[in-house]
Amino acid sequence: MQNGDEGGNGPGRGTAVITRTKTKTKRPSLYRVLILNDDYTPMEFVVQVLERFFQKDREAATRIMLHVHNHGVGECGIYTFEVAETKVSQVMDFARQNQHPLQCVMEKK
């Protein structure tokens, strides 16, 4: 080795420049999960769905159910695409298993 070219801190040693680029992480799109009113699904079943799949307490579930009943549609929650899609599928499957025509949909927020 001559003049400390390799290793050590002698002359001839290059300096590295580290640059950091700031990456902006894009927030995922959010989707509203909605229950639609119909003339056949019992109110108590809708409350049960809201408690079971959306972790609403009895009071909140009843309030949302009455909103659906009076206004034709009610919001169950806001989720990322995958979570919203899963919840819609779970509700629709549960409604079919119980022979109710309840409709659950998602829309981009």
C-alpha atoms as a PDB file:
ATOM      1  CA  MET A   1       0.000   0.000   0.000  1.00  0.00           C
ATOM      2  CA  GLN A   2       1.233   3.422  -0.838  1.00  0.00           C
ATOM      3  CA  ASN A   3       0.141   6.765   0.467  1.00  0.00           C
ATOM      4  CA  GLY A   4      -2.744   5.184   2.341  1.00  0.00           C
ATOM      5  CA  ASP A   5      -4.809   4.688  -0.858  1.00  0.00           C
ATOM      6  CA  GLU A   6      -6.824   1.869   0.608  1.00  0.00           C
ATOM      7  CA  GLY A   7      -8.406   1.794   4.020  1.00  0.00           C
ATOM      8  CA  GLY A   8      -7.407   4.222   6.744  1.00  0.00           C
ATOM      9  CA  ASN A   9      -7.873   7.950   6.685  1.00  0.00           C
ATOM     10  CA  GLY A  10      -4.867   8.935   4.614  1.00  0.00           C
ATOM     11  CA  PRO A  11      -4.771  11.082   1.485  1.00  0.00           C
ATOM     12  CA  GLY A  12      -6.467   9.780  -1.633  1.00  0.00           C
ATOM     13  CA  ARG A  13      -9.511   8.516   0.206  1.00  0.00           C
ATOM     14  CA  GLY A  14     -12.752   9.694  -1.449  1.00  0.00           C
ATOM     15  CA  THR A  15     -15.681  11.115   0.416  1.00  0.00           C
ATOM     16  CA  ALA A  16     -19.187   9.838  -0.121  1.00  0.00           C
ATOM     17  CA  VAL A  17     -22.110  12.190  -0.320  1.00  0.00           C
ATOM     18  CA  ILE A  18     -25.330  10.780   1.011  1.00  0.00           C
ATOM     19  CA  THR A  19     -28.462  12.398  -0.286  1.00  0.00           C
ATOM     20  CA  ARG A  20     -31.836  11.666   1.158  1.00  0.00           C
ATOM     21  CA  THR A  21     -34.903  12.153  -0.934  1.00  0.00           C
ATOM     22  CA  LYS A  22     -38.119  12.766   0.883  1.00  0.00           C
ATOM     23  CA  THR A  23     -40.803  10.485  -0.409  1.00  0.00           C
ATOM     24  CA  LYS A  24     -44.352  11.548   0.155  1.00  0.00           C
ATOM     25  CA  THR A  25     -46.495   8.579   0.967  1.00  0.00           C
ATOM     26  CA  LYS A  26     -49.893   8.871  -0.616  1.00  0.00           C
ATOM     27  CA  ARG A  27     -52.749   8.177   1.738  1.00  0.00           C
ATOM     28  CA  PRO A  28     -54.974   5.338   0.561  1.00  0.00           C
ATOM     29  CA  SER A  29     -58.362   6.217  -0.853  1.00  0.00           C
ATOM     30  CA  LEU A  30     -61.199   5.858   1.608  1.00  0.00           C
ATOM     31  CA  TYR A  31     -64.604   4.330   0.988  1.00  0.00           C
ATOM     32  CA  ARG A  32     -67.910   4.798   2.764  1.00  0.00           C
ATOM     33  CA  VAL A  33     -69.785   1.587   3.536  1.00  0.00           C
ATOM     34  CA  LEU A  34     -73.534   2.167   3.263  1.00  0.00           C
ATOM     35  CA  ILE A  35     -76.626   0.145   4.106  1.00  0.00           C
ATOM     36  CA  LEU A  36     -79.668   0.689   1.918  1.00  0.00           C
ATOM     37  CA  ASN A  37     -83.251   0.591   3.133  1.00  0.00           C
ATOM     38  CA  ASP A  38     -85.716  -2.028   1.949  1.00  0.00           C
ATOM     39  CA  ASP A  39     -89.260  -2.937   2.979  1.00  0.00           C
ATOM     40  CA  TYR A  40     -88.462  -6.475   4.131  1.00  0.00           C
ATOM     41  CA  THR A  41     -85.339  -6.662   6.308  1.00  0.00           C
ATOM     42  CA  PRO A  42     -86.299  -6.429  10.005  1.00  0.00           C
ATOM     43  CA  MET A  43     -84.919  -3.432  11.891  1.00  0.00           C
ATOM     44  CA  GLU A  44     -83.471  -5.699  14.564  1.00  0.00           C
ATOM     45  CA  PHE A  45     -81.474  -7.589  11.909  1.00  0.00           C
ATOM     46  CA  VAL A  46     -79.936  -4.310  10.697  1.00  0.00           C
ATOM     47  CA  VAL A  47     -78.977  -3.448  14.288  1.00  0.00           C
ATOM     48  CA  GLN A  48     -77.417  -6.911  14.631  1.00  0.00           C
ATOM     49  CA  VAL A  49     -75.398  -6.364  11.410  1.00  0.00           C
ATOM     50  CA  LEU A  50     -74.129  -3.000  12.639  1.00  0.00           C
ATOM     51  CA  GLU A  51     -73.080  -4.458  15.991  1.00  0.00           C
ATOM     52  CA  ARG A  52     -71.486  -7.569  14.519  1.00  0.00           C
ATOM     53  CA  PHE A  53     -69.636  -6.232  11.467  1.00  0.00           C
ATOM     54  CA  PHE A  54     -69.071  -2.573  12.338  1.00  0.00           C
ATOM     55  CA  GLN A  55     -68.508  -2.853  16.121  1.00  0.00           C
ATOM     56  CA  LYS A  56     -71.283  -0.368  16.931  1.00  0.00           C
ATOM     57  CA  ASP A  57     -72.827  -0.395  20.372  1.00  0.00           C
ATOM     58  CA  ARG A  58     -76.592  -0.894  20.654  1.00  0.00           C
ATOM     59  CA  GLU A  59     -77.324   2.835  20.796  1.00  0.00           C
ATOM     60  CA  ALA A  60     -75.185   3.754  17.756  1.00  0.00           C
ATOM     61  CA  ALA A  61     -76.492   0.766  15.781  1.00  0.00           C
ATOM     62  CA  THR A  62     -80.088   1.741  16.532  1.00  0.00           C
ATOM     63  CA  ARG A  63     -79.420   5.353  15.532  1.00  0.00           C
ATOM     64  CA  ILE A  64     -77.881   4.288  12.182  1.00  0.00           C
ATOM     65  CA  MET A  65     -80.692   1.784  11.555  1.00  0.00           C
ATOM     66  CA  LEU A  66     -83.327   4.499  12.118  1.00  0.00           C
ATOM     67  CA  HIS A  67     -81.430   6.813   9.770  1.00  0.00           C
ATOM     68  CA  VAL A  68     -81.482   4.080   7.099  1.00  0.00           C
ATOM     69  CA  HIS A  69     -85.185   3.527   7.740  1.00  0.00           C
ATOM     70  CA  ASN A  70     -86.060   7.230   7.521  1.00  0.00           C
ATOM     71  CA  HIS A  71     -83.662   8.408   4.809  1.00  0.00           C
ATOM     72  CA  GLY A  72     -83.168   5.311   2.659  1.00  0.00           C
ATOM     73  CA  VAL A  73     -79.438   4.985   3.304  1.00  0.00           C
ATOM     74  CA  GLY A  74     -77.039   5.108   6.239  1.00  0.00           C
ATOM     75  CA  GLU A  75     -73.285   5.138   6.694  1.00  0.00           C
ATOM     76  CA  CYS A  76     -71.766   2.251   8.630  1.00  0.00           C
ATOM     77  CA  GLY A  77     -68.176   3.474   8.518  1.00  0.00           C
ATOM     78  CA  ILE A  78     -65.275   4.698   6.392  1.00  0.00           C
ATOM     79  CA  TYR A  79     -62.487   2.286   5.467  1.00  0.00           C
ATOM     80  CA  THR A  80     -59.703   1.596   3.009  1.00  0.00           C
ATOM     81  CA  PHE A  81     -60.761  -0.221  -0.167  1.00  0.00           C
ATOM     82  CA  GLU A  82     -59.879  -3.736   1.000  1.00  0.00           C
ATOM     83  CA  VAL A  83     -61.544  -3.367   4.395  1.00  0.00           C
ATOM     84  CA  ALA A  84     -64.668  -1.786   2.889  1.00  0.00           C
ATOM     85  CA  GLU A  85     -64.894  -4.523   0.256  1.00  0.00           C
ATOM     86  CA  THR A  86     -64.576  -7.227   2.909  1.00  0.00           C
ATOM     87  CA  LYS A  87     -67.251  -5.668   5.129  1.00  0.00           C
ATOM     88  CA  VAL A  88     -69.688  -5.343   2.196  1.00  0.00           C
ATOM     89  CA  SER A  89     -69.137  -9.016   1.323  1.00  0.00           C
ATOM     90  CA  GLN A  90     -69.577 -10.134   4.930  1.00  0.00           C
ATOM     91  CA  VAL A  91     -72.828  -8.193   5.326  1.00  0.00           C
ATOM     92  CA  MET A  92     -74.223  -9.399   1.995  1.00  0.00           C
ATOM     93  CA  ASP A  93     -73.336 -13.033   2.769  1.00  0.00           C
ATOM     94  CA  PHE A  94     -74.838 -12.784   6.266  1.00  0.00           C
ATOM     95  CA  ALA A  95     -78.044 -11.229   4.892  1.00  0.00           C
ATOM     96  CA  ARG A  96     -78.398 -13.989   2.268  1.00  0.00           C
ATOM     97  CA  GLN A  97     -77.771 -16.712   4.866  1.00  0.00           C
ATOM     98  CA  ASN A  98     -80.608 -15.221   6.886  1.00  0.00           C
ATOM     99  CA  GLN A  99     -82.794 -14.791   3.792  1.00  0.00           C
ATOM    100  CA  HIS A 100     -82.959 -11.000   3.939  1.00  0.00           C
ATOM    101  CA  PRO A 101     -82.681  -8.732   0.875  1.00  0.00           C
ATOM    102  CA  LEU A 102     -80.500  -6.207   2.745  1.00  0.00           C
ATOM    103  CA  GLN A 103     -78.143  -4.301   0.446  1.00  0.00           C
ATOM    104  CA  CYS A 104     -74.726  -3.037   1.516  1.00  0.00           C
ATOM    105  CA  VAL A 105     -72.571  -0.999  -0.859  1.00  0.00           C
ATOM    106  CA  MET A 106     -69.393   1.052  -0.845  1.00  0.00           C
ATOM    107  CA  GLU A 107     -68.642   4.365  -2.482  1.00  0.00           C
ATOM    108  CA  LYS A 108     -65.457   6.390  -2.767  1.00  0.00           C
ATOM    109  CA  LYS A 109     -65.341   9.192  -0.232  1.00  0.00           C
END
